[in-house]
Amino acid sequence: MKAQRKAAALGLFFLTAILPAAAQFEVSPDRFDQPSAQSPASVRSQRADHLARQIATEETLLSAYETRIRAAEQQVESDWQAAVSTWPGDEAGQMIAFNIHQRQLRQLKESLAPLIQEAGNTLASLEKDQANMTQVVTPVASRRAHSQPRRDTSTLVASR
């Protein structure tokens, strides 16, 4: 008697666990029979577009890093020119500004070095993926073109 109650309770437990899945299956049971809406060509095209966007993002990021460094270098150069072109005795303030900006430039380069390295590695990896994708697509297309038998148009005209 005790075993029957346990079996009935266990069966009821499994039934309640399966019930939501069965209800969801009944909403649209034929959706699994339909083929995928995306063709392999459109998937490749979407992947190529995604890679191109990622490459553009990484190139923009690298360009921004380089722009920041160039701006800081120009500031240091401007400070140096100001320091050497002032009257003797007046260059102390300019040299202080030069030293401060030179130290900031060094810190900027040190802080951006790992980011530039990471962005460069990511960009190289993405470009490699993009090159591999074009190599994979090209042989398939050329195989299809060569696998189809060529029709001789002279025999078609003669048979009419």
Foldseek 3Di string as FASTA:
>chain_A
DVVVVVVVVVVVVVCVVCVVVVVVCVVCVCPVVDDDPDDPVVVLVVVLVVLVVLLVVLVVVLVVLVVVLVVLVVQLVVLVVVLVPDDPPPNPVSVVSNVVSVVVSVVSCVVCVVVNVVSVVVNVVSVVVSVVSVVVVVVVVVCVVVVDDDDDVVVVVVVD
